[in-house]
Amino acid sequence: MSHIPRLTGQEVVRALSKAGFVVLRQRGSHLFLKHADGRATVVPIHSSEVLGPGIMSKILRDTKLSRVEFLRLLGK
């Protein structure tokens, strides 16, 4: 299984935007992203804090992206 690097919320949003997700709304420090096919997720945006492995797993599960697909979006 490929390792996902430690990323900030902004980096995750940038990668998901490449996959077709758009920011639907924001509530406080949480961005709600949605894809045209109905997939949706929430990404916390805290100033330069990295997201932990648990929240990254939840984001990948919500977006139905594999780790390899996500790494390609990051360009790694």
Protein backbone atom coordinates (compact mmCIF):
# COMPACT_ATOMS: atom_id res chain seq x y z
CA MET A 1 0.00 0.00 0.00
CA SER A 2 1.44 3.38 -0.97
CA HIS A 3 2.10 5.96 1.70
CA ILE A 4 0.30 9.31 1.57
CA PRO A 5 2.54 12.22 2.55
CA ARG A 6 1.55 14.58 5.36
CA LEU A 7 -0.43 17.38 3.71
CA THR A 8 -2.15 20.58 4.74
CA GLY A 9 -5.82 21.11 4.04
CA GLN A 10 -5.03 23.56 1.23
CA GLU A 11 -2.87 20.96 -0.53
CA VAL A 12 -5.68 18.41 -0.31
CA VAL A 13 -8.22 20.89 -1.70
CA ARG A 14 -5.86 21.69 -4.59
CA ALA A 15 -5.51 17.98 -5.44
CA LEU A 16 -9.25 17.34 -5.19
CA SER A 17 -9.92 20.32 -7.46
CA LYS A 18 -7.84 18.60 -10.14
CA ALA A 19 -10.19 15.61 -9.80
CA GLY A 20 -13.24 17.79 -10.47
CA PHE A 21 -14.33 18.66 -6.94
CA VAL A 22 -15.49 22.21 -6.31
CA VAL A 23 -15.85 24.10 -3.05
CA LEU A 24 -19.55 24.13 -2.32
CA ARG A 25 -19.43 26.16 0.88
CA GLN A 26 -17.38 26.91 3.96
CA ARG A 27 -18.33 26.84 7.60
CA GLY A 28 -15.61 28.17 9.84
CA SER A 29 -12.42 26.36 8.99
CA HIS A 30 -14.10 23.48 7.13
CA LEU A 31 -14.53 23.44 3.35
CA PHE A 32 -17.33 21.33 1.87
CA LEU A 33 -16.37 19.96 -1.55
CA LYS A 34 -18.65 18.25 -4.02
CA HIS A 35 -18.21 16.48 -7.36
CA ALA A 36 -20.71 16.61 -10.20
CA ASP A 37 -21.46 12.89 -9.76
CA GLY A 38 -22.55 13.38 -6.12
CA ARG A 39 -19.41 12.49 -4.16
CA ALA A 40 -18.74 14.94 -1.34
CA THR A 41 -16.30 15.45 1.52
CA VAL A 42 -15.25 17.95 4.16
CA VAL A 43 -11.66 19.19 4.44
CA PRO A 44 -10.51 21.09 7.54
CA ILE A 45 -8.37 24.12 6.73
CA HIS A 46 -6.30 25.09 9.76
CA SER A 47 -3.34 27.41 9.30
CA SER A 48 -0.45 25.23 8.13
CA GLU A 49 -1.48 22.22 10.25
CA VAL A 50 -1.06 18.87 8.56
CA LEU A 51 -3.97 16.46 8.35
CA GLY A 52 -3.61 13.21 10.25
CA PRO A 53 -3.86 9.76 8.69
CA GLY A 54 -7.40 9.21 10.02
CA ILE A 55 -8.89 12.28 8.36
CA MET A 56 -7.00 11.52 5.13
CA SER A 57 -8.49 8.01 5.08
CA LYS A 58 -11.96 9.49 5.61
CA ILE A 59 -11.46 11.98 2.77
CA LEU A 60 -10.29 9.22 0.39
CA ARG A 61 -13.21 7.01 1.41
CA ASP A 62 -15.71 9.87 0.87
CA THR A 63 -14.27 10.78 -2.53
CA LYS A 64 -13.89 7.13 -3.61
CA LEU A 65 -10.31 7.78 -4.71
CA SER A 66 -7.58 5.20 -4.24
CA ARG A 67 -4.29 6.16 -2.66
CA VAL A 68 -2.55 5.76 -6.03
CA GLU A 69 -5.09 8.02 -7.78
CA PHE A 70 -4.69 10.64 -5.07
CA LEU A 71 -0.89 10.54 -5.33
CA ARG A 72 -1.19 11.10 -9.10
CA LEU A 73 -3.31 14.20 -8.43
CA LEU A 74 -0.56 15.46 -6.14
CA GLY A 75 1.98 14.90 -8.89
CA LYS A 76 4.05 12.47 -6.82
